[in-house]
Amino acid sequence: MMRTTAKPQEALEQRWKCPKCGAPRPTVRKISTTGGGLSRLFDIQHIKYYAVSCNQCGYTELYDASVLDKNKNRLMDILDIIIGG
């Protein structure tokens, strides 16, 4: 398998295919959310995800950014397992 150093967002845009309608070419955005307790009280958004949304039907999946960003060199292997490529 060929290794790549693509950014997680670029790799998701290129490889993801909607599991509901089969459409390619999603919109990928990095989003942040708050946790619980003090982070919610002070609106500290420290939990980050990649939101991958189908442009045809709107179906959306979330991927943990801390995992994908930490393992950029293994991203294609992870996507192959998740997406079945």
C-alpha atoms as a PDB file:
ATOM      1  CA  MET A   1       0.000   0.000   0.000  1.00  0.00           C
ATOM      2  CA  MET A   2       1.316   3.429  -0.920  1.00  0.00           C
ATOM      3  CA  ARG A   3       1.959   5.798   1.987  1.00  0.00           C
ATOM      4  CA  THR A   4       0.937   9.428   1.786  1.00  0.00           C
ATOM      5  CA  THR A   5       1.530  12.531   3.855  1.00  0.00           C
ATOM      6  CA  ALA A   6      -1.770  14.124   2.850  1.00  0.00           C
ATOM      7  CA  LYS A   7      -3.517  16.257   5.398  1.00  0.00           C
ATOM      8  CA  PRO A   8      -6.448  14.459   7.039  1.00  0.00           C
ATOM      9  CA  GLN A   9      -8.953  16.881   5.542  1.00  0.00           C
ATOM     10  CA  GLU A  10      -7.588  16.396   2.010  1.00  0.00           C
ATOM     11  CA  ALA A  11      -7.507  12.616   2.386  1.00  0.00           C
ATOM     12  CA  LEU A  12     -11.118  12.537   3.581  1.00  0.00           C
ATOM     13  CA  GLU A  13     -12.208  14.745   0.672  1.00  0.00           C
ATOM     14  CA  GLN A  14     -10.506  12.452  -1.836  1.00  0.00           C
ATOM     15  CA  ARG A  15     -11.389   9.032  -0.392  1.00  0.00           C
ATOM     16  CA  TRP A  16     -14.767   9.340   1.374  1.00  0.00           C
ATOM     17  CA  LYS A  17     -17.911   8.068  -0.318  1.00  0.00           C
ATOM     18  CA  CYS A  18     -21.364   8.515   1.240  1.00  0.00           C
ATOM     19  CA  PRO A  19     -22.568   5.230   2.772  1.00  0.00           C
ATOM     20  CA  LYS A  20     -26.216   6.316   2.365  1.00  0.00           C
ATOM     21  CA  CYS A  21     -26.433   7.477  -1.266  1.00  0.00           C
ATOM     22  CA  GLY A  22     -22.985   6.658  -2.681  1.00  0.00           C
ATOM     23  CA  ALA A  23     -22.136  10.220  -3.699  1.00  0.00           C
ATOM     24  CA  PRO A  24     -18.439  11.172  -3.759  1.00  0.00           C
ATOM     25  CA  ARG A  25     -16.834  14.551  -3.021  1.00  0.00           C
ATOM     26  CA  PRO A  26     -18.026  15.528   0.464  1.00  0.00           C
ATOM     27  CA  THR A  27     -17.593  18.780   2.328  1.00  0.00           C
ATOM     28  CA  VAL A  28     -15.046  18.366   5.139  1.00  0.00           C
ATOM     29  CA  ARG A  29     -14.840  20.838   8.005  1.00  0.00           C
ATOM     30  CA  LYS A  30     -12.868  20.806  11.238  1.00  0.00           C
ATOM     31  CA  ILE A  31     -15.210  21.607  14.120  1.00  0.00           C
ATOM     32  CA  SER A  32     -14.685  22.202  17.825  1.00  0.00           C
ATOM     33  CA  THR A  33     -16.982  21.366  20.723  1.00  0.00           C
ATOM     34  CA  THR A  34     -17.006  21.925  24.450  1.00  0.00           C
ATOM     35  CA  GLY A  35     -16.761  19.134  26.973  1.00  0.00           C
ATOM     36  CA  GLY A  36     -18.514  19.106  30.295  1.00  0.00           C
ATOM     37  CA  GLY A  37     -18.020  20.943  33.566  1.00  0.00           C
ATOM     38  CA  LEU A  38     -15.768  23.994  33.549  1.00  0.00           C
ATOM     39  CA  SER A  39     -15.032  23.849  29.820  1.00  0.00           C
ATOM     40  CA  ARG A  40     -18.754  24.154  29.149  1.00  0.00           C
ATOM     41  CA  LEU A  41     -19.142  26.939  31.710  1.00  0.00           C
ATOM     42  CA  PHE A  42     -16.327  28.986  30.155  1.00  0.00           C
ATOM     43  CA  ASP A  43     -17.127  27.907  26.570  1.00  0.00           C
ATOM     44  CA  ILE A  44     -13.693  26.359  26.007  1.00  0.00           C
ATOM     45  CA  GLN A  45     -13.874  24.351  22.812  1.00  0.00           C
ATOM     46  CA  HIS A  46     -11.078  21.834  23.136  1.00  0.00           C
ATOM     47  CA  ILE A  47     -12.604  18.735  21.539  1.00  0.00           C
ATOM     48  CA  LYS A  48     -12.033  18.725  17.781  1.00  0.00           C
ATOM     49  CA  TYR A  49     -13.545  16.607  15.009  1.00  0.00           C
ATOM     50  CA  TYR A  50     -13.576  16.388  11.240  1.00  0.00           C
ATOM     51  CA  ALA A  51     -17.199  16.595  10.058  1.00  0.00           C
ATOM     52  CA  VAL A  52     -17.581  14.880   6.680  1.00  0.00           C
ATOM     53  CA  SER A  53     -20.902  15.764   5.024  1.00  0.00           C
ATOM     54  CA  CYS A  54     -22.437  14.429   1.846  1.00  0.00           C
ATOM     55  CA  ASN A  55     -23.246  17.269  -0.553  1.00  0.00           C
ATOM     56  CA  GLN A  56     -26.148  15.296  -2.039  1.00  0.00           C
ATOM     57  CA  CYS A  57     -28.139  13.892   0.913  1.00  0.00           C
ATOM     58  CA  GLY A  58     -26.620  15.679   3.937  1.00  0.00           C
ATOM     59  CA  TYR A  59     -25.489  12.550   5.781  1.00  0.00           C
ATOM     60  CA  THR A  60     -22.603  13.455   8.134  1.00  0.00           C
ATOM     61  CA  GLU A  61     -19.946  11.444   9.950  1.00  0.00           C
ATOM     62  CA  LEU A  62     -17.555  12.718  12.648  1.00  0.00           C
ATOM     63  CA  TYR A  63     -13.922  11.630  12.937  1.00  0.00           C
ATOM     64  CA  ASP A  64     -11.790  12.364  16.010  1.00  0.00           C
ATOM     65  CA  ALA A  65      -9.242  14.985  14.918  1.00  0.00           C
ATOM     66  CA  SER A  66      -6.792  14.075  17.692  1.00  0.00           C
ATOM     67  CA  VAL A  67      -6.467  10.594  16.207  1.00  0.00           C
ATOM     68  CA  LEU A  68      -6.230  11.649  12.559  1.00  0.00           C
ATOM     69  CA  ASP A  69      -3.905  14.608  13.181  1.00  0.00           C
ATOM     70  CA  LYS A  70      -1.591  12.560  15.387  1.00  0.00           C
ATOM     71  CA  ASN A  71      -1.306   9.734  12.887  1.00  0.00           C
ATOM     72  CA  LYS A  72      -1.157  11.602   9.578  1.00  0.00           C
ATOM     73  CA  ASN A  73       1.183   9.039   8.054  1.00  0.00           C
ATOM     74  CA  ARG A  74      -1.282   6.233   8.910  1.00  0.00           C
ATOM     75  CA  LEU A  75      -4.369   8.102   7.744  1.00  0.00           C
ATOM     76  CA  MET A  76      -4.843   6.185   4.529  1.00  0.00           C
ATOM     77  CA  ASP A  77      -4.693   2.875   6.415  1.00  0.00           C
ATOM     78  CA  ILE A  78      -7.364   4.109   8.843  1.00  0.00           C
ATOM     79  CA  LEU A  79      -9.584   5.345   6.011  1.00  0.00           C
ATOM     80  CA  ASP A  80      -9.217   2.020   4.208  1.00  0.00           C
ATOM     81  CA  ILE A  81     -10.523   0.226   7.299  1.00  0.00           C
ATOM     82  CA  ILE A  82     -13.359   2.711   7.981  1.00  0.00           C
ATOM     83  CA  ILE A  83     -14.473   3.216   4.402  1.00  0.00           C
ATOM     84  CA  GLY A  84     -13.550  -0.177   3.055  1.00  0.00           C
ATOM     85  CA  GLY A  85     -11.364   1.086   0.220  1.00  0.00           C
END
